[in-house]
Amino acid sequence: MAQEIADIFKAYDIRGLVDSEITPDFTFATGVAFARFLQQQREPATIVIGEDMRPSSAGLADAFSAGVTSLGMDAIRIGLASTDMLYFASGKLGLPGAMFTASHNPAEYNGIKLCLSSARPIGKESGLLTIENFVRQGSPLEIRSVGVESECDMLEEYVDHLLQLVDLSQIRPLKIVVDAGNGMAGHTAPAIFARLNCELIPMYFELDGTFPNHEANPIDEKNLRDLQRAVLKHGADLGLAFDGDADRCFIVDEKANAINPSDLTALIAERELKKHPGSTVIYNLISSRAVLEVIEENGGVGLRSRVGHSYIKKMMADSKAIFGGEHSGHFYFDGFWRADSGALAALHAIAALGESKKSMSQILKPYQRYLLSGEINSKVADTSAAMALVEEEYGAKDGLTIDHLDGLTVNADTWWFNLRPSNTEPLLRLNVEAKTGARMEKVRDEVLALIRS
C-alpha cells in the first residue's frame, strides 16, 4: 500500500489509474489529509473544488469533498472547469483549491492538482509530501463538526477576468479553429469566443473523457493533424489546440505549421514588456535561446528556471516577474495569480494577430532564429552513469560552459543541449538547439550515441 501511494503522488500533482489507484476511498483520505495540511498552514477553512469531464471526476470529487467537510472545513464546488478556471476561483476567492483531472493522460487515469490560497503552487517540496504522509497515517480520531458544501458557477467571472488582462476590443475580424480534444476547452472556449470579434470553428467540443477522436495532448504533433487540416480547409487565420484540462495551449499558423511554444513565449514576453517596461520574465532552461534575446531586446530582465510549474511560480513570486513561459506549453501570468492559463496565452496570440495586418507566420518569423530538436527520450539502465559519461566527454572540450540547474546543460557559441532525468521513469530527456539544422543534428546524434551506447 505504501508503494502504491508513493507511485500516485508525483512531483507536482496526484495521478494514477482509476479504480485500482485513484478510488473514492483514496480521494476521501486525500481530502482529509489536505484539510489537515491546510490547518497546519493556517490557510482559510474553505476549499474550492473543480472537476474535468472524465467519467470518474464527479464521483471522486464528491468523495474528496466529503473528506474535507468531515474535518470541519467547507467546500465550494465550481463544477465543470478547466484547471486555469480552478486557479482563477482560488485567486479570486482567496481560497485553497483542488482540481480533479489527469490533464492529457488517457481515459483510464485521473488525478488531483492542489493549490494554496490565491493559486499558490503545491509540489513535492512545498506540501505534497506532507499530504502524502497524512494519507499514509490515516484519518485523525478526534471528532469535529462537519463542514458545509455549496455550489458556485464562476465561468462568466473567469471570462471577465481574462478579458481584463488582454484587450481584444479593437481586433479585426478573424477566423479561428479551436480543437478542444473533447476536453475542458469545449466548456470554456464558447464562453470566451462569444465575446470576441472572431468566427469560431469548433472541433471536438463535446465533453468526453474517453477522448474518442485523439488524445488531448497537443505537444504530440500527431494530435494536431486534424486541426492543421481544418485550418487549411476553412482558410482560417489561426488554429488553437488545448490539452484535456485546457491549461496548455498550442497554436497552428495560417499555413498549418505547428508553432514552437518558445515562439509564443517570445511573442507574449514582448507584448507584456511593452506594457511593463524593464520587468522580469521567466523562461525555462529548454526554451529557445531566442526567448532571452527577445526579452533583452525589449528592455526586460530574463531569468532562467528549472522545468516545472512549482519552480517557475516560486521564481515569479520571488522576482516579481510579469510573465513566465515553459517549452511544454504552460504560460504563467502575474495578473492571473502567477498561475498558468492556456486561454490567456491563446488570447495574447489572437490579440497580436487581430491588432496587425500581418499573418501569424509573419508575426512569429522574427522569433524563429534557431533549430530545435524537440524533446527526445532515451530509456537507460543507469541515468546517473549516462549523464556522467556525457559530462566527461563535453567537460574536456574548450569553449564550452556547463551548468547543473536542471540535469546537465552544455552551452557553446552557436548551440546548446540539456540532458535531464525523468522524475518518474528510467528515462533521459534530451533537448538540442543550434543556429543551423546541420549543427543541431550533429550534436543531437553525438549525445544520443553516448547515452545509448
Foldseek 3Di string as FASTA:
>chain_A
DLVLLVQQAFFFWGKDFEPPRQDLVLLLLLLLLVQVLCVVVVAALEEEEEEKLQPCTVSSSVSSQQSSQQAPGEYEYQYHAFVLVQLLVLQVVQAKYKYWAPWQDANRMITIGTAGRNRAGDGCVRRSVSSSVSSVVTHDDDGDHGYYYYYDHCLLVVLVLLCVVFPQPQFDEFEEEEEALLASCLVRVVSNCVPHNYHYDYHNSHNYSNSPPDGLQVVPVVVCVVQLVVLQVVLGLKYWGAIRSQLFIWIAGSNRHTDFQLLLLLLVLLVVCVVVPAFEEEEEPLRDPLSCVSQVVSRYHYDYFHDDLNGQLVVCVVRVGQKYTYRSRWIAGVSSSRHTGNVSSVSSLSRVCRVDPDGSCVVSVVSPQKDKPRKDKDQAPDLVVLLVQVCVVLVPDPQWDWDPNAAIWIDHDFKIKHWHADSNHNIIIIMIMGRDPVVRVVVVVVSCVSSVD
